[in-house]
Structure formats: structure tokens, C-alpha cells
Amino acid sequence: MSSGKYEPLDPVIHSQVRLAIMSVLISVKQADFHFLKTATETTDGNLSTHLSKLEEAKYISVKKTFRGKKPLTTCSLTERGRTAFSKYLRALEDYLPPNK
């Protein structure tokens, strides 16, 4: 526990949908758009917006290909994203009361 001074939480991650995306991607090698949409229970447009913010921060890598004639968007966590997520979790732990 911190001595009253809290580490700021990363604003890029500290959004319900972006936190959900990062939480999913930390545990898998990659995930496609449909899987992330289902996991985060959001709309196409909302998910696209949040993926763009994470990609701009270089926390995720977005790869656009085709499966047959259908577009396929696949996302994975970058090393920078893994580091940022770990730092975010450590900072968040400081906000929790000590486990007695």
C-alpha cells in the first residue's frame, strides 16, 4: 500500500471497454474483432474507436486481412501494451486496502 500518494492510472487503459480489451488480450496470443466485440459486449463502432485509441498508444497491434472474401481484423497486445497493463494493475493495487 502506498503512503497516501497514489500512482496515476493510465487514462488510455482506464476506460471500461479498453480495460476489457486489454484484459482479454493479456490472456490470448491474438483475438479477432468479433471475439472482442462479444467479450466486451459493445457495438462495432464503439469497439473500433477503442481499438484505435489503444493502437495509437502502441498498446495493441491491429492486423487487417481477409478470410476468403470477408475482412478479418485481428488484434494482439504489444510488448509496450503488456508493460503498460502490468503498471496499470500495480497502480490500481495501491488504491485497494491492505489485505489483513
N, C-alpha and C. Protein backbone atom coordinates (compact mmCIF):
# COMPACT_ATOMS: atom_id res chain seq x y z
N MET A 1 0.84 -1.19 0.00
CA MET A 1 0.00 0.00 0.00
C MET A 1 0.87 1.24 0.00
N SER A 2 0.46 2.18 -0.72
CA SER A 2 1.16 3.44 -0.84
C SER A 2 1.02 4.25 0.44
N SER A 3 1.91 5.18 0.63
CA SER A 3 1.86 6.03 1.83
C SER A 3 1.03 7.28 1.55
N GLY A 4 -0.19 7.10 1.02
CA GLY A 4 -1.08 8.21 0.77
C GLY A 4 -0.93 8.83 -0.61
N LYS A 5 0.14 8.54 -1.31
CA LYS A 5 0.34 9.07 -2.65
C LYS A 5 0.10 7.96 -3.66
N TYR A 6 -0.86 8.17 -4.50
CA TYR A 6 -1.23 7.14 -5.46
C TYR A 6 -0.62 7.41 -6.83
N GLU A 7 -0.16 6.33 -7.46
CA GLU A 7 0.32 6.40 -8.84
C GLU A 7 -0.89 6.66 -9.73
N PRO A 8 -0.80 7.61 -10.66
CA PRO A 8 -1.97 7.85 -11.53
C PRO A 8 -2.26 6.64 -12.41
N LEU A 9 -3.53 6.41 -12.66
CA LEU A 9 -3.95 5.32 -13.53
C LEU A 9 -3.87 5.77 -14.98
N ASP A 10 -3.34 4.92 -15.83
CA ASP A 10 -3.17 5.23 -17.25
C ASP A 10 -4.53 5.53 -17.88
N PRO A 11 -4.75 6.76 -18.35
CA PRO A 11 -6.04 7.13 -18.93
C PRO A 11 -6.38 6.38 -20.22
N VAL A 12 -5.36 5.88 -20.92
CA VAL A 12 -5.63 5.11 -22.14
C VAL A 12 -6.29 3.79 -21.78
N ILE A 13 -5.85 3.18 -20.70
CA ILE A 13 -6.41 1.89 -20.27
C ILE A 13 -7.65 2.08 -19.41
N HIS A 14 -7.70 3.17 -18.65
CA HIS A 14 -8.75 3.36 -17.65
C HIS A 14 -10.08 3.80 -18.27
N SER A 15 -10.62 2.94 -19.06
CA SER A 15 -11.94 3.08 -19.68
C SER A 15 -12.51 1.67 -19.66
N GLN A 16 -13.78 1.55 -19.39
CA GLN A 16 -14.38 0.22 -19.24
C GLN A 16 -14.10 -0.69 -20.44
N VAL A 17 -14.31 -0.19 -21.63
CA VAL A 17 -14.14 -1.03 -22.82
C VAL A 17 -12.65 -1.31 -23.08
N ARG A 18 -11.79 -0.28 -22.97
CA ARG A 18 -10.37 -0.50 -23.22
C ARG A 18 -9.76 -1.42 -22.17
N LEU A 19 -10.19 -1.30 -20.93
CA LEU A 19 -9.72 -2.21 -19.89
C LEU A 19 -10.15 -3.64 -20.20
N ALA A 20 -11.37 -3.80 -20.68
CA ALA A 20 -11.87 -5.14 -21.06
C ALA A 20 -11.05 -5.70 -22.23
N ILE A 21 -10.76 -4.88 -23.22
CA ILE A 21 -9.96 -5.32 -24.36
C ILE A 21 -8.58 -5.78 -23.90
N MET A 22 -7.94 -4.96 -23.09
CA MET A 22 -6.60 -5.30 -22.59
C MET A 22 -6.64 -6.58 -21.75
N SER A 23 -7.68 -6.74 -20.95
CA SER A 23 -7.82 -7.93 -20.11
C SER A 23 -7.97 -9.19 -20.94
N VAL A 24 -8.69 -9.10 -22.04
CA VAL A 24 -8.83 -10.24 -22.94
C VAL A 24 -7.49 -10.53 -23.63
N LEU A 25 -6.87 -9.50 -24.16
CA LEU A 25 -5.65 -9.70 -24.95
C LEU A 25 -4.45 -10.14 -24.11
N ILE A 26 -4.44 -9.86 -22.82
CA ILE A 26 -3.33 -10.28 -21.97
C ILE A 26 -3.29 -11.80 -21.84
N SER A 27 -4.44 -12.44 -22.04
CA SER A 27 -4.50 -13.89 -21.81
C SER A 27 -4.54 -14.72 -23.10
N VAL A 28 -4.50 -14.07 -24.26
CA VAL A 28 -4.51 -14.81 -25.53
C VAL A 28 -3.42 -14.25 -26.45
N LYS A 29 -3.01 -15.03 -27.41
CA LYS A 29 -1.98 -14.56 -28.36
C LYS A 29 -2.56 -13.45 -29.24
N GLN A 30 -3.79 -13.66 -29.69
CA GLN A 30 -4.49 -12.67 -30.51
C GLN A 30 -5.98 -12.95 -30.45
N ALA A 31 -6.77 -11.96 -30.83
CA ALA A 31 -8.23 -12.11 -30.85
C ALA A 31 -8.78 -11.34 -32.04
N ASP A 32 -9.79 -11.92 -32.68
CA ASP A 32 -10.37 -11.20 -33.81
C ASP A 32 -11.45 -10.24 -33.33
N PHE A 33 -11.86 -9.35 -34.23
CA PHE A 33 -12.80 -8.28 -33.92
C PHE A 33 -14.09 -8.84 -33.33
N HIS A 34 -14.63 -9.88 -33.95
CA HIS A 34 -15.90 -10.45 -33.49
C HIS A 34 -15.78 -10.99 -32.06
N PHE A 35 -14.68 -11.67 -31.77
CA PHE A 35 -14.45 -12.20 -30.42
C PHE A 35 -14.40 -11.06 -29.41
N LEU A 36 -13.65 -10.00 -29.73
CA LEU A 36 -13.55 -8.85 -28.82
C LEU A 36 -14.89 -8.15 -28.65
N LYS A 37 -15.65 -8.06 -29.74
CA LYS A 37 -16.97 -7.42 -29.68
C LYS A 37 -17.88 -8.20 -28.73
N THR A 38 -17.85 -9.52 -28.83
CA THR A 38 -18.67 -10.36 -27.96
C THR A 38 -18.18 -10.28 -26.51
N ALA A 39 -16.88 -10.34 -26.32
CA ALA A 39 -16.30 -10.32 -24.97
C ALA A 39 -16.56 -9.00 -24.25
N THR A 40 -16.53 -7.90 -24.99
CA THR A 40 -16.71 -6.58 -24.37
C THR A 40 -18.16 -6.12 -24.40
N GLU A 41 -19.01 -6.86 -25.09
CA GLU A 41 -20.44 -6.53 -25.19
C GLU A 41 -20.66 -5.10 -25.65
N THR A 42 -19.99 -4.74 -26.75
CA THR A 42 -20.11 -3.40 -27.29
C THR A 42 -20.48 -3.44 -28.77
N THR A 43 -20.66 -2.28 -29.36
CA THR A 43 -21.03 -2.20 -30.78
C THR A 43 -19.78 -2.15 -31.65
N ASP A 44 -19.96 -2.37 -32.95
CA ASP A 44 -18.84 -2.30 -33.90
C ASP A 44 -18.14 -0.95 -33.82
N GLY A 45 -18.91 0.12 -33.88
CA GLY A 45 -18.34 1.46 -33.88
C GLY A 45 -17.60 1.78 -32.60
N ASN A 46 -18.19 1.42 -31.46
CA ASN A 46 -17.58 1.68 -30.17
C ASN A 46 -16.27 0.90 -30.03
N LEU A 47 -16.31 -0.36 -30.43
CA LEU A 47 -15.10 -1.19 -30.35
C LEU A 47 -14.01 -0.63 -31.26
N SER A 48 -14.37 -0.24 -32.47
CA SER A 48 -13.40 0.33 -33.41
C SER A 48 -12.72 1.57 -32.82
N THR A 49 -13.50 2.43 -32.20
CA THR A 49 -12.97 3.65 -31.58
C THR A 49 -11.96 3.31 -30.50
N HIS A 50 -12.29 2.37 -29.63
CA HIS A 50 -11.40 1.99 -28.53
C HIS A 50 -10.16 1.27 -29.04
N LEU A 51 -10.31 0.43 -30.06
CA LEU A 51 -9.14 -0.23 -30.64
C LEU A 51 -8.19 0.79 -31.25
N SER A 52 -8.74 1.82 -31.88
CA SER A 52 -7.91 2.87 -32.47
C SER A 52 -7.10 3.60 -31.40
N LYS A 53 -7.73 3.90 -30.26
CA LYS A 53 -7.02 4.58 -29.17
C LYS A 53 -5.88 3.72 -28.63
N LEU A 54 -6.14 2.42 -28.48
CA LEU A 54 -5.10 1.51 -28.00
C LEU A 54 -3.98 1.35 -29.03
N GLU A 55 -4.36 1.34 -30.30
CA GLU A 55 -3.36 1.21 -31.36
C GLU A 55 -2.51 2.49 -31.45
N GLU A 56 -3.13 3.66 -31.32
CA GLU A 56 -2.40 4.93 -31.34
C GLU A 56 -1.36 4.98 -30.22
N ALA A 57 -1.70 4.40 -29.06
CA ALA A 57 -0.78 4.37 -27.92
C ALA A 57 0.26 3.27 -28.08
N LYS A 58 0.14 2.50 -29.15
CA LYS A 58 1.03 1.36 -29.43
C LYS A 58 0.92 0.26 -28.37
N TYR A 59 -0.26 0.16 -27.75
CA TYR A 59 -0.52 -0.89 -26.76
C TYR A 59 -0.99 -2.17 -27.44
N ILE A 60 -1.58 -2.03 -28.64
CA ILE A 60 -2.01 -3.20 -29.40
C ILE A 60 -1.56 -3.06 -30.84
N SER A 61 -1.51 -4.20 -31.49
CA SER A 61 -1.22 -4.27 -32.91
C SER A 61 -2.50 -4.74 -33.60
N VAL A 62 -2.91 -4.04 -34.64
CA VAL A 62 -4.12 -4.40 -35.38
C VAL A 62 -3.70 -4.83 -36.78
N LYS A 63 -4.12 -6.02 -37.15
CA LYS A 63 -3.78 -6.58 -38.46
C LYS A 63 -5.08 -6.81 -39.24
N LYS A 64 -5.15 -6.24 -40.43
CA LYS A 64 -6.35 -6.39 -41.27
C LYS A 64 -6.00 -7.26 -42.47
N THR A 65 -6.71 -8.38 -42.57
CA THR A 65 -6.52 -9.30 -43.68
C THR A 65 -7.89 -9.72 -44.20
N PHE A 66 -7.90 -10.74 -45.01
CA PHE A 66 -9.17 -11.30 -45.49
C PHE A 66 -9.20 -12.79 -45.23
N ARG A 67 -10.36 -13.29 -44.88
CA ARG A 67 -10.63 -14.73 -44.79
C ARG A 67 -11.61 -15.01 -45.91
N GLY A 68 -11.08 -15.55 -46.99
CA GLY A 68 -11.90 -15.67 -48.19
C GLY A 68 -12.12 -14.26 -48.72
N LYS A 69 -13.37 -13.87 -48.85
CA LYS A 69 -13.68 -12.52 -49.32
C LYS A 69 -14.12 -11.61 -48.18
N LYS A 70 -14.10 -12.12 -46.95
CA LYS A 70 -14.53 -11.32 -45.81
C LYS A 70 -13.34 -10.71 -45.08
N PRO A 71 -13.47 -9.42 -44.71
CA PRO A 71 -12.38 -8.79 -43.96
C PRO A 71 -12.23 -9.42 -42.58
N LEU A 72 -10.99 -9.51 -42.12
CA LEU A 72 -10.70 -10.08 -40.81
C LEU A 72 -9.73 -9.15 -40.09
N THR A 73 -10.16 -8.62 -38.95
CA THR A 73 -9.33 -7.76 -38.13
C THR A 73 -8.89 -8.55 -36.90
N THR A 74 -7.58 -8.65 -36.72
CA THR A 74 -7.02 -9.39 -35.59
C THR A 74 -6.17 -8.45 -34.75
N CYS A 75 -6.32 -8.55 -33.43
CA CYS A 75 -5.60 -7.68 -32.51
C CYS A 75 -4.75 -8.51 -31.57
N SER A 76 -3.59 -7.94 -31.22
CA SER A 76 -2.74 -8.57 -30.24
C SER A 76 -2.07 -7.48 -29.40
N LEU A 77 -1.68 -7.85 -28.20
CA LEU A 77 -1.02 -6.94 -27.29
C LEU A 77 0.44 -6.79 -27.70
N THR A 78 0.95 -5.58 -27.70
CA THR A 78 2.36 -5.36 -27.97
C THR A 78 3.13 -5.48 -26.65
N GLU A 79 4.44 -5.51 -26.72
CA GLU A 79 5.25 -5.54 -25.50
C GLU A 79 5.01 -4.28 -24.69
N ARG A 80 4.88 -3.16 -25.39
CA ARG A 80 4.57 -1.89 -24.70
C ARG A 80 3.22 -1.98 -23.99
N GLY A 81 2.25 -2.63 -24.63
CA GLY A 81 0.93 -2.81 -24.03
C GLY A 81 0.98 -3.70 -22.79
N ARG A 82 1.76 -4.77 -22.87
CA ARG A 82 1.93 -5.66 -21.70
C ARG A 82 2.53 -4.91 -20.53
N THR A 83 3.54 -4.11 -20.81
CA THR A 83 4.20 -3.33 -19.77
C THR A 83 3.22 -2.32 -19.17
N ALA A 84 2.50 -1.62 -20.02
CA ALA A 84 1.53 -0.61 -19.55
C ALA A 84 0.43 -1.27 -18.71
N PHE A 85 -0.03 -2.45 -19.13
CA PHE A 85 -1.10 -3.13 -18.39
C PHE A 85 -0.59 -3.58 -17.02
N SER A 86 0.62 -4.10 -16.96
CA SER A 86 1.21 -4.51 -15.68
C SER A 86 1.36 -3.31 -14.75
N LYS A 87 1.84 -2.20 -15.29
CA LYS A 87 2.00 -0.98 -14.50
C LYS A 87 0.64 -0.49 -14.01
N TYR A 88 -0.37 -0.55 -14.88
CA TYR A 88 -1.73 -0.15 -14.52
C TYR A 88 -2.24 -0.98 -13.35
N LEU A 89 -2.05 -2.30 -13.42
CA LEU A 89 -2.53 -3.18 -12.35
C LEU A 89 -1.81 -2.90 -11.03
N ARG A 90 -0.50 -2.66 -11.10
CA ARG A 90 0.25 -2.32 -9.87
C ARG A 90 -0.26 -1.02 -9.27
N ALA A 91 -0.50 -0.02 -10.11
CA ALA A 91 -1.01 1.26 -9.63
C ALA A 91 -2.40 1.07 -9.02
N LEU A 92 -3.23 0.26 -9.65
CA LEU A 92 -4.58 0.01 -9.15
C LEU A 92 -4.55 -0.67 -7.78
N GLU A 93 -3.59 -1.57 -7.59
CA GLU A 93 -3.46 -2.25 -6.30
C GLU A 93 -3.21 -1.27 -5.15
N ASP A 94 -2.53 -0.16 -5.44
CA ASP A 94 -2.28 0.85 -4.41
C ASP A 94 -3.57 1.48 -3.89
N TYR A 95 -4.60 1.46 -4.70
CA TYR A 95 -5.88 2.05 -4.30
C TYR A 95 -6.68 1.11 -3.40
N LEU A 96 -6.29 -0.16 -3.34
CA LEU A 96 -7.02 -1.14 -2.54
C LEU A 96 -6.49 -1.15 -1.10
N PRO A 97 -7.37 -1.43 -0.14
CA PRO A 97 -6.89 -1.52 1.24
C PRO A 97 -5.97 -2.71 1.40
N PRO A 98 -5.04 -2.63 2.37
CA PRO A 98 -4.13 -3.76 2.58
C PRO A 98 -4.91 -5.00 3.00
N ASN A 99 -4.44 -6.16 2.55
CA ASN A 99 -5.08 -7.43 2.87
C ASN A 99 -4.62 -7.86 4.25
N LYS A 100 -5.53 -7.89 5.19
CA LYS A 100 -5.16 -8.25 6.58
C LYS A 100 -5.57 -9.65 6.92
